[in-house]
């Protein structure tokens, strides 16, 4: 799986990048047909709560999935997006058996 992490309006720490990589590896273990994943992290309004926007776009053979969440931290956003994608990929997997 090709993983691309893009940050807007800030620089991601190594700790955050490794957290995202671990979560995406976990997702790839459950659904091996993932070709590419793009994670976009954006600070919407500085100095306010719930200002971290997380978007994850996953491409599998012939289909694309997208999840987007706004949370207090990027870790929460990544967790929430991965949960949504797990459900979507599981449904896709079951319908293509």
PDB file of N, CA and C in Angstrom:
ATOM      1  N   UNK A   1       0.841  -1.179   0.000  1.00  0.00           N
ATOM      2  CA  UNK A   1       0.000   0.000   0.000  1.00  0.00           C
ATOM      3  C   UNK A   1       0.884   1.239   0.000  1.00  0.00           C
ATOM      4  N   UNK A   2       0.526   2.156  -0.850  1.00  0.00           N
ATOM      5  CA  UNK A   2       1.221   3.447  -0.907  1.00  0.00           C
ATOM      6  C   UNK A   2       0.502   4.403   0.046  1.00  0.00           C
ATOM      7  N   UNK A   3       1.240   5.000   0.982  1.00  0.00           N
ATOM      8  CA  UNK A   3       0.660   5.906   1.964  1.00  0.00           C
ATOM      9  C   UNK A   3       1.233   7.306   1.785  1.00  0.00           C
ATOM     10  N   UNK A   4       0.332   8.286   1.681  1.00  0.00           N
ATOM     11  CA  UNK A   4       0.741   9.681   1.536  1.00  0.00           C
ATOM     12  C   UNK A   4       0.093  10.470   2.667  1.00  0.00           C
ATOM     13  N   UNK A   5       0.911  11.204   3.436  1.00  0.00           N
ATOM     14  CA  UNK A   5       0.412  12.036   4.527  1.00  0.00           C
ATOM     15  C   UNK A   5       0.665  13.489   4.159  1.00  0.00           C
ATOM     16  N   UNK A   6      -0.411  14.271   4.118  1.00  0.00           N
ATOM     17  CA  UNK A   6      -0.313  15.686   3.764  1.00  0.00           C
ATOM     18  C   UNK A   6      -0.829  16.513   4.930  1.00  0.00           C
ATOM     19  N   UNK A   7      -0.086  17.551   5.293  1.00  0.00           N
ATOM     20  CA  UNK A   7      -0.513  18.431   6.383  1.00  0.00           C
ATOM     21  C   UNK A   7      -0.669  19.850   5.853  1.00  0.00           C
ATOM     22  N   UNK A   8      -1.735  20.509   6.303  1.00  0.00           N
ATOM     23  CA  UNK A   8      -2.003  21.879   5.891  1.00  0.00           C
ATOM     24  C   UNK A   8      -1.982  22.796   7.107  1.00  0.00           C
ATOM     25  N   UNK A   9      -1.268  23.869   7.034  1.00  0.00           N
ATOM     26  CA  UNK A   9      -1.182  24.901   8.071  1.00  0.00           C
ATOM     27  C   UNK A   9      -0.412  24.478   9.321  1.00  0.00           C
ATOM     28  N   UNK A  10       0.355  23.379   9.260  1.00  0.00           N
ATOM     29  CA  UNK A  10       1.205  22.982  10.377  1.00  0.00           C
ATOM     30  C   UNK A  10       2.164  21.890   9.899  1.00  0.00           C
ATOM     31  N   UNK A  11       3.157  21.561  10.732  1.00  0.00           N
ATOM     32  CA  UNK A  11       4.088  20.471  10.437  1.00  0.00           C
ATOM     33  C   UNK A  11       3.813  19.328  11.390  1.00  0.00           C
ATOM     34  N   UNK A  12       3.629  18.133  10.848  1.00  0.00           N
ATOM     35  CA  UNK A  12       3.344  16.962  11.671  1.00  0.00           C
ATOM     36  C   UNK A  12       4.613  16.481  12.375  1.00  0.00           C
ATOM     37  N   UNK A  13       4.446  16.013  13.598  1.00  0.00           N
ATOM     38  CA  UNK A  13       5.573  15.449  14.336  1.00  0.00           C
ATOM     39  C   UNK A  13       5.814  14.014  13.876  1.00  0.00           C
ATOM     40  N   UNK A  14       6.986  13.499  14.191  1.00  0.00           N
ATOM     41  CA  UNK A  14       7.296  12.104  13.857  1.00  0.00           C
ATOM     42  C   UNK A  14       6.356  11.159  14.597  1.00  0.00           C
ATOM     43  N   UNK A  15       6.003  11.519  15.817  1.00  0.00           N
ATOM     44  CA  UNK A  15       5.100  10.697  16.628  1.00  0.00           C
ATOM     45  C   UNK A  15       3.731  10.576  15.954  1.00  0.00           C
ATOM     46  N   UNK A  16       3.208  11.689  15.433  1.00  0.00           N
ATOM     47  CA  UNK A  16       1.917  11.675  14.752  1.00  0.00           C
ATOM     48  C   UNK A  16       2.000  10.862  13.465  1.00  0.00           C
ATOM     49  N   UNK A  17       3.069  11.024  12.718  1.00  0.00           N
ATOM     50  CA  UNK A  17       3.243  10.277  11.472  1.00  0.00           C
ATOM     51  C   UNK A  17       3.324   8.774  11.737  1.00  0.00           C
ATOM     52  N   UNK A  18       4.044   8.363  12.773  1.00  0.00           N
ATOM     53  CA  UNK A  18       4.145   6.933  13.080  1.00  0.00           C
ATOM     54  C   UNK A  18       2.811   6.390  13.582  1.00  0.00           C
ATOM     55  N   UNK A  19       2.026   7.209  14.310  1.00  0.00           N
ATOM     56  CA  UNK A  19       0.694   6.808  14.751  1.00  0.00           C
ATOM     57  C   UNK A  19      -0.201   6.526  13.543  1.00  0.00           C
ATOM     58  N   UNK A  20      -0.163   7.423  12.563  1.00  0.00           N
ATOM     59  CA  UNK A  20      -0.971   7.253  11.352  1.00  0.00           C
ATOM     60  C   UNK A  20      -0.531   6.005  10.591  1.00  0.00           C
ATOM     61  N   UNK A  21       0.776   5.799  10.473  1.00  0.00           N
ATOM     62  CA  UNK A  21       1.285   4.620   9.768  1.00  0.00           C
ATOM     63  C   UNK A  21       0.818   3.336  10.434  1.00  0.00           C
ATOM     64  N   UNK A  22       0.853   3.280  11.767  1.00  0.00           N
ATOM     65  CA  UNK A  22       0.396   2.083  12.487  1.00  0.00           C
ATOM     66  C   UNK A  22      -1.075   1.819  12.234  1.00  0.00           C
ATOM     67  N   UNK A  23      -1.892   2.864  12.296  1.00  0.00           N
ATOM     68  CA  UNK A  23      -3.334   2.704  12.072  1.00  0.00           C
ATOM     69  C   UNK A  23      -3.624   2.232  10.644  1.00  0.00           C
ATOM     70  N   UNK A  24      -2.910   2.768   9.689  1.00  0.00           N
ATOM     71  CA  UNK A  24      -3.139   2.373   8.301  1.00  0.00           C
ATOM     72  C   UNK A  24      -2.634   0.955   8.036  1.00  0.00           C
ATOM     73  N   UNK A  25      -1.545   0.547   8.705  1.00  0.00           N
ATOM     74  CA  UNK A  25      -1.067  -0.833   8.583  1.00  0.00           C
ATOM     75  C   UNK A  25      -2.099  -1.799   9.145  1.00  0.00           C
ATOM     76  N   UNK A  26      -2.720  -1.419  10.252  1.00  0.00           N
ATOM     77  CA  UNK A  26      -3.770  -2.242  10.856  1.00  0.00           C
ATOM     78  C   UNK A  26      -4.939  -2.392   9.882  1.00  0.00           C
ATOM     79  N   UNK A  27      -5.311  -1.306   9.221  1.00  0.00           N
ATOM     80  CA  UNK A  27      -6.388  -1.350   8.241  1.00  0.00           C
ATOM     81  C   UNK A  27      -6.009  -2.230   7.055  1.00  0.00           C
ATOM     82  N   UNK A  28      -4.761  -2.150   6.636  1.00  0.00           N
ATOM     83  CA  UNK A  28      -4.305  -2.953   5.499  1.00  0.00           C
ATOM     84  C   UNK A  28      -4.288  -4.441   5.830  1.00  0.00           C
ATOM     85  N   UNK A  29      -4.003  -4.793   7.083  1.00  0.00           N
ATOM     86  CA  UNK A  29      -4.015  -6.203   7.483  1.00  0.00           C
ATOM     87  C   UNK A  29      -5.411  -6.801   7.358  1.00  0.00           C
ATOM     88  N   UNK A  30      -6.424  -5.994   7.687  1.00  0.00           N
ATOM     89  CA  UNK A  30      -7.806  -6.468   7.608  1.00  0.00           C
ATOM     90  C   UNK A  30      -8.304  -6.516   6.177  1.00  0.00           C
ATOM     91  N   UNK A  31      -7.810  -5.623   5.346  1.00  0.00           N
ATOM     92  CA  UNK A  31      -8.257  -5.559   3.959  1.00  0.00           C
ATOM     93  C   UNK A  31      -7.042  -5.366   3.067  1.00  0.00           C
ATOM     94  N   UNK A  32      -6.547  -6.464   2.525  1.00  0.00           N
ATOM     95  CA  UNK A  32      -5.260  -6.449   1.820  1.00  0.00           C
ATOM     96  C   UNK A  32      -5.309  -5.842   0.426  1.00  0.00           C
ATOM     97  N   UNK A  33      -6.498  -5.575  -0.110  1.00  0.00           N
ATOM     98  CA  UNK A  33      -6.604  -5.060  -1.475  1.00  0.00           C
ATOM     99  C   UNK A  33      -6.409  -3.551  -1.574  1.00  0.00           C
ATOM    100  N   UNK A  34      -6.013  -2.891  -0.491  1.00  0.00           N
ATOM    101  CA  UNK A  34      -5.808  -1.444  -0.531  1.00  0.00           C
ATOM    102  C   UNK A  34      -4.575  -1.127  -1.379  1.00  0.00           C
ATOM    103  N   UNK A  35      -4.789  -0.284  -2.386  1.00  0.00           N
ATOM    104  CA  UNK A  35      -3.709   0.098  -3.288  1.00  0.00           C
ATOM    105  C   UNK A  35      -3.000   1.345  -2.771  1.00  0.00           C
ATOM    106  N   UNK A  36      -3.809   2.347  -2.375  1.00  0.00           N
ATOM    107  CA  UNK A  36      -3.242   3.635  -1.982  1.00  0.00           C
ATOM    108  C   UNK A  36      -4.105   4.265  -0.896  1.00  0.00           C
ATOM    109  N   UNK A  37      -3.477   4.994   0.007  1.00  0.00           N
ATOM    110  CA  UNK A  37      -4.194   5.735   1.039  1.00  0.00           C
ATOM    111  C   UNK A  37      -3.590   7.127   1.148  1.00  0.00           C
ATOM    112  N   UNK A  38      -4.466   8.123   1.217  1.00  0.00           N
ATOM    113  CA  UNK A  38      -4.022   9.504   1.368  1.00  0.00           C
ATOM    114  C   UNK A  38      -4.651  10.068   2.634  1.00  0.00           C
ATOM    115  N   UNK A  39      -3.816  10.565   3.530  1.00  0.00           N
ATOM    116  CA  UNK A  39      -4.279  11.150   4.782  1.00  0.00           C
ATOM    117  C   UNK A  39      -3.981  12.647   4.727  1.00  0.00           C
ATOM    118  N   UNK A  40      -5.029  13.450   4.924  1.00  0.00           N
ATOM    119  CA  UNK A  40      -4.862  14.904   4.929  1.00  0.00           C
ATOM    120  C   UNK A  40      -5.241  15.429   6.298  1.00  0.00           C
ATOM    121  N   UNK A  41      -4.327  16.161   6.914  1.00  0.00           N
ATOM    122  CA  UNK A  41      -4.542  16.747   8.232  1.00  0.00           C
ATOM    123  C   UNK A  41      -4.522  18.261   8.087  1.00  0.00           C
ATOM    124  N   UNK A  42      -5.515  18.917   8.698  1.00  0.00           N
ATOM    125  CA  UNK A  42      -5.639  20.357   8.515  1.00  0.00           C
ATOM    126  C   UNK A  42      -6.111  21.014   9.810  1.00  0.00           C
ATOM    127  N   UNK A  43      -5.471  22.114  10.183  1.00  0.00           N
ATOM    128  CA  UNK A  43      -5.931  22.914  11.310  1.00  0.00           C
ATOM    129  C   UNK A  43      -6.905  23.940  10.736  1.00  0.00           C
ATOM    130  N   UNK A  44      -8.183  23.837  11.150  1.00  0.00           N
ATOM    131  CA  UNK A  44      -9.223  24.679  10.568  1.00  0.00           C
ATOM    132  C   UNK A  44      -9.187  26.089  11.142  1.00  0.00           C
ATOM    133  N   UNK A  45      -9.411  26.218  12.440  1.00  0.00           N
ATOM    134  CA  UNK A  45      -9.400  27.534  13.088  1.00  0.00           C
ATOM    135  C   UNK A  45      -8.477  27.459  14.300  1.00  0.00           C
ATOM    136  N   UNK A  46      -7.303  28.042  14.223  1.00  0.00           N
ATOM    137  CA  UNK A  46      -6.397  28.003  15.379  1.00  0.00           C
ATOM    138  C   UNK A  46      -7.032  28.609  16.622  1.00  0.00           C
ATOM    139  N   UNK A  47      -6.582  28.145  17.776  1.00  0.00           N
ATOM    140  CA  UNK A  47      -7.032  28.622  19.090  1.00  0.00           C
ATOM    141  C   UNK A  47      -8.498  28.337  19.400  1.00  0.00           C
ATOM    142  N   UNK A  48      -9.094  27.327  18.784  1.00  0.00           N
ATOM    143  CA  UNK A  48     -10.447  26.917  19.156  1.00  0.00           C
ATOM    144  C   UNK A  48     -10.462  25.419  19.364  1.00  0.00           C
ATOM    145  N   UNK A  49     -11.466  24.937  20.090  1.00  0.00           N
ATOM    146  CA  UNK A  49     -11.619  23.494  20.278  1.00  0.00           C
ATOM    147  C   UNK A  49     -12.205  22.896  19.000  1.00  0.00           C
ATOM    148  N   UNK A  50     -12.037  21.601  18.835  1.00  0.00           N
ATOM    149  CA  UNK A  50     -12.570  20.890  17.669  1.00  0.00           C
ATOM    150  C   UNK A  50     -12.113  21.550  16.362  1.00  0.00           C
ATOM    151  N   UNK A  51     -10.819  21.778  16.235  1.00  0.00           N
ATOM    152  CA  UNK A  51     -10.303  22.487  15.064  1.00  0.00           C
ATOM    153  C   UNK A  51      -9.381  21.642  14.197  1.00  0.00           C
ATOM    154  N   UNK A  52      -9.325  20.342  14.445  1.00  0.00           N
ATOM    155  CA  UNK A  52      -8.427  19.470  13.681  1.00  0.00           C
ATOM    156  C   UNK A  52      -9.252  18.617  12.712  1.00  0.00           C
ATOM    157  N   UNK A  53      -9.072  18.859  11.426  1.00  0.00           N
ATOM    158  CA  UNK A  53      -9.814  18.137  10.400  1.00  0.00           C
ATOM    159  C   UNK A  53      -8.943  17.013   9.830  1.00  0.00           C
ATOM    160  N   UNK A  54      -9.492  15.808   9.836  1.00  0.00           N
ATOM    161  CA  UNK A  54      -8.784  14.635   9.326  1.00  0.00           C
ATOM    162  C   UNK A  54      -9.573  14.044   8.172  1.00  0.00           C
ATOM    163  N   UNK A  55      -8.899  13.819   7.058  1.00  0.00           N
ATOM    164  CA  UNK A  55      -9.527  13.175   5.905  1.00  0.00           C
ATOM    165  C   UNK A  55      -8.654  12.002   5.487  1.00  0.00           C
ATOM    166  N   UNK A  56      -9.294  10.853   5.269  1.00  0.00           N
ATOM    167  CA  UNK A  56      -8.560   9.688   4.765  1.00  0.00           C
ATOM    168  C   UNK A  56      -9.283   9.197   3.517  1.00  0.00           C
ATOM    169  N   UNK A  57      -8.534   9.080   2.454  1.00  0.00           N
ATOM    170  CA  UNK A  57      -9.045   8.618   1.165  1.00  0.00           C
ATOM    171  C   UNK A  57      -8.318   7.310   0.834  1.00  0.00           C
ATOM    172  N   UNK A  58      -9.087   6.234   0.675  1.00  0.00           N
ATOM    173  CA  UNK A  58      -8.501   4.914   0.428  1.00  0.00           C
ATOM    174  C   UNK A  58      -8.948   4.422  -0.948  1.00  0.00           C
ATOM    175  N   UNK A  59      -8.003   3.920  -1.730  1.00  0.00           N
ATOM    176  CA  UNK A  59      -8.295   3.379  -3.047  1.00  0.00           C
ATOM    177  C   UNK A  59      -8.040   1.873  -3.026  1.00  0.00           C
ATOM    178  N   UNK A  60      -9.072   1.114  -3.387  1.00  0.00           N
ATOM    179  CA  UNK A  60      -8.928  -0.330  -3.568  1.00  0.00           C
ATOM    180  C   UNK A  60      -9.173  -0.601  -5.044  1.00  0.00           C
ATOM    181  N   UNK A  61      -8.945  -1.811  -5.461  1.00  0.00           N
ATOM    182  CA  UNK A  61      -9.109  -2.149  -6.872  1.00  0.00           C
ATOM    183  C   UNK A  61     -10.529  -1.826  -7.334  1.00  0.00           C
ATOM    184  N   UNK A  62     -10.665  -0.779  -8.160  1.00  0.00           N
ATOM    185  CA  UNK A  62     -11.955  -0.438  -8.739  1.00  0.00           C
ATOM    186  C   UNK A  62     -12.893   0.381  -7.872  1.00  0.00           C
ATOM    187  N   UNK A  63     -12.500   0.768  -6.673  1.00  0.00           N
ATOM    188  CA  UNK A  63     -13.408   1.506  -5.785  1.00  0.00           C
ATOM    189  C   UNK A  63     -12.602   2.443  -4.885  1.00  0.00           C
ATOM    190  N   UNK A  64     -13.247   3.530  -4.465  1.00  0.00           N
ATOM    191  CA  UNK A  64     -12.607   4.486  -3.569  1.00  0.00           C
ATOM    192  C   UNK A  64     -13.500   4.723  -2.356  1.00  0.00           C
ATOM    193  N   UNK A  65     -12.877   4.897  -1.199  1.00  0.00           N
ATOM    194  CA  UNK A  65     -13.593   5.167   0.047  1.00  0.00           C
ATOM    195  C   UNK A  65     -13.004   6.415   0.677  1.00  0.00           C
ATOM    196  N   UNK A  66     -13.879   7.176   1.362  1.00  0.00           N
ATOM    197  CA  UNK A  66     -13.449   8.445   1.950  1.00  0.00           C
ATOM    198  C   UNK A  66     -14.086   8.607   3.324  1.00  0.00           C
ATOM    199  N   UNK A  67     -13.309   9.092   4.272  1.00  0.00           N
ATOM    200  CA  UNK A  67     -13.828   9.408   5.605  1.00  0.00           C
ATOM    201  C   UNK A  67     -13.256  10.749   6.016  1.00  0.00           C
ATOM    202  N   UNK A  68     -14.090  11.542   6.692  1.00  0.00           N
ATOM    203  CA  UNK A  68     -13.678  12.882   7.105  1.00  0.00           C
ATOM    204  C   UNK A  68     -14.275  13.176   8.479  1.00  0.00           C
ATOM    205  N   UNK A  69     -13.430  13.623   9.401  1.00  0.00           N
ATOM    206  CA  UNK A  69     -13.874  13.943  10.760  1.00  0.00           C
ATOM    207  C   UNK A  69     -13.185  15.207  11.249  1.00  0.00           C
ATOM    208  N   UNK A  70     -13.880  15.958  12.100  1.00  0.00           N
ATOM    209  CA  UNK A  70     -13.303  17.116  12.774  1.00  0.00           C
ATOM    210  C   UNK A  70     -13.334  16.803  14.264  1.00  0.00           C
ATOM    211  N   UNK A  71     -12.161  16.788  14.895  1.00  0.00           N
ATOM    212  CA  UNK A  71     -12.047  16.411  16.306  1.00  0.00           C
ATOM    213  C   UNK A  71     -11.131  17.379  17.039  1.00  0.00           C
ATOM    214  N   UNK A  72     -10.937  17.093  18.315  1.00  0.00           N
ATOM    215  CA  UNK A  72     -10.078  17.915  19.166  1.00  0.00           C
ATOM    216  C   UNK A  72      -8.596  17.646  18.907  1.00  0.00           C
ATOM    217  N   UNK A  73      -8.257  16.383  18.564  1.00  0.00           N
ATOM    218  CA  UNK A  73      -6.872  16.025  18.253  1.00  0.00           C
ATOM    219  C   UNK A  73      -6.848  15.234  16.952  1.00  0.00           C
ATOM    220  N   UNK A  74      -5.693  15.211  16.314  1.00  0.00           N
ATOM    221  CA  UNK A  74      -5.567  14.443  15.081  1.00  0.00           C
ATOM    222  C   UNK A  74      -5.656  12.942  15.349  1.00  0.00           C
ATOM    223  N   UNK A  75      -5.194  12.506  16.514  1.00  0.00           N
ATOM    224  CA  UNK A  75      -5.265  11.084  16.852  1.00  0.00           C
ATOM    225  C   UNK A  75      -6.715  10.619  16.919  1.00  0.00           C
ATOM    226  N   UNK A  76      -7.577  11.423  17.557  1.00  0.00           N
ATOM    227  CA  UNK A  76      -9.003  11.097  17.613  1.00  0.00           C
ATOM    228  C   UNK A  76      -9.589  11.036  16.210  1.00  0.00           C
ATOM    229  N   UNK A  77      -9.222  11.990  15.377  1.00  0.00           N
ATOM    230  CA  UNK A  77      -9.725  12.041  14.010  1.00  0.00           C
ATOM    231  C   UNK A  77      -9.298  10.838  13.193  1.00  0.00           C
ATOM    232  N   UNK A  78      -8.041  10.443  13.325  1.00  0.00           N
ATOM    233  CA  UNK A  78      -7.549   9.273  12.597  1.00  0.00           C
ATOM    234  C   UNK A  78      -8.277   8.021  13.069  1.00  0.00           C
ATOM    235  N   UNK A  79      -8.436   7.857  14.396  1.00  0.00           N
ATOM    236  CA  UNK A  79      -9.164   6.707  14.931  1.00  0.00           C
ATOM    237  C   UNK A  79     -10.587   6.645  14.380  1.00  0.00           C
ATOM    238  N   UNK A  80     -11.285   7.771  14.391  1.00  0.00           N
ATOM    239  CA  UNK A  80     -12.667   7.813  13.925  1.00  0.00           C
ATOM    240  C   UNK A  80     -12.762   7.499  12.433  1.00  0.00           C
ATOM    241  N   UNK A  81     -11.863   8.055  11.638  1.00  0.00           N
ATOM    242  CA  UNK A  81     -11.867   7.796  10.199  1.00  0.00           C
ATOM    243  C   UNK A  81     -11.561   6.331   9.894  1.00  0.00           C
ATOM    244  N   UNK A  82     -10.599   5.764  10.622  1.00  0.00           N
ATOM    245  CA  UNK A  82     -10.249   4.359  10.403  1.00  0.00           C
ATOM    246  C   UNK A  82     -11.436   3.460  10.745  1.00  0.00           C
ATOM    247  N   UNK A  83     -12.174   3.775  11.801  1.00  0.00           N
ATOM    248  CA  UNK A  83     -13.363   2.989  12.154  1.00  0.00           C
ATOM    249  C   UNK A  83     -14.397   3.032  11.028  1.00  0.00           C
ATOM    250  N   UNK A  84     -14.641   4.200  10.486  1.00  0.00           N
ATOM    251  CA  UNK A  84     -15.595   4.347   9.383  1.00  0.00           C
ATOM    252  C   UNK A  84     -15.127   3.542   8.176  1.00  0.00           C
ATOM    253  N   UNK A  85     -13.851   3.650   7.853  1.00  0.00           N
ATOM    254  CA  UNK A  85     -13.310   2.931   6.702  1.00  0.00           C
ATOM    255  C   UNK A  85     -13.341   1.418   6.910  1.00  0.00           C
ATOM    256  N   UNK A  86     -13.095   0.965   8.153  1.00  0.00           N
ATOM    257  CA  UNK A  86     -13.163  -0.475   8.429  1.00  0.00           C
ATOM    258  C   UNK A  86     -14.552  -1.008   8.117  1.00  0.00           C
ATOM    259  N   UNK A  87     -15.587  -0.290   8.552  1.00  0.00           N
ATOM    260  CA  UNK A  87     -16.962  -0.722   8.272  1.00  0.00           C
ATOM    261  C   UNK A  87     -17.243  -0.717   6.772  1.00  0.00           C
ATOM    262  N   UNK A  88     -16.837   0.336   6.087  1.00  0.00           N
ATOM    263  CA  UNK A  88     -17.067   0.435   4.642  1.00  0.00           C
ATOM    264  C   UNK A  88     -16.346  -0.666   3.878  1.00  0.00           C
ATOM    265  N   UNK A  89     -15.084  -0.907   4.241  1.00  0.00           N
ATOM    266  CA  UNK A  89     -14.306  -1.947   3.560  1.00  0.00           C
ATOM    267  C   UNK A  89     -14.859  -3.340   3.858  1.00  0.00           C
ATOM    268  N   UNK A  90     -15.345  -3.547   5.089  1.00  0.00           N
ATOM    269  CA  UNK A  90     -15.930  -4.846   5.435  1.00  0.00           C
ATOM    270  C   UNK A  90     -17.188  -5.095   4.602  1.00  0.00           C
ATOM    271  N   UNK A  91     -18.037  -4.084   4.455  1.00  0.00           N
ATOM    272  CA  UNK A  91     -19.241  -4.220   3.631  1.00  0.00           C
ATOM    273  C   UNK A  91     -18.855  -4.521   2.192  1.00  0.00           C
ATOM    274  N   UNK A  92     -17.863  -3.805   1.687  1.00  0.00           N
ATOM    275  CA  UNK A  92     -17.392  -4.011   0.305  1.00  0.00           C
ATOM    276  C   UNK A  92     -16.845  -5.430   0.143  1.00  0.00           C
ATOM    277  N   UNK A  93     -16.116  -5.891   1.119  1.00  0.00           N
ATOM    278  CA  UNK A  93     -15.517  -7.224   1.084  1.00  0.00           C
ATOM    279  C   UNK A  93     -16.608  -8.296   1.068  1.00  0.00           C
ATOM    280  N   UNK A  94     -17.638  -8.115   1.907  1.00  0.00           N
ATOM    281  CA  UNK A  94     -18.730  -9.097   1.988  1.00  0.00           C
ATOM    282  C   UNK A  94     -19.545  -9.146   0.695  1.00  0.00           C
ATOM    283  N   UNK A  95     -19.748  -8.016   0.056  1.00  0.00           N
ATOM    284  CA  UNK A  95     -20.542  -8.011  -1.173  1.00  0.00           C
ATOM    285  C   UNK A  95     -19.778  -8.554  -2.372  1.00  0.00           C
ATOM    286  N   UNK A  96     -18.473  -8.647  -2.271  1.00  0.00           N
ATOM    287  CA  UNK A  96     -17.664  -9.152  -3.387  1.00  0.00           C
ATOM    288  C   UNK A  96     -17.105 -10.554  -3.151  1.00  0.00           C
ATOM    289  N   UNK A  97     -17.753 -11.298  -2.263  1.00  0.00           N
ATOM    290  CA  UNK A  97     -17.322 -12.681  -2.045  1.00  0.00           C
ATOM    291  C   UNK A  97     -18.001 -13.616  -3.007  1.00  0.00           C
TER     292      UNK A  97
END
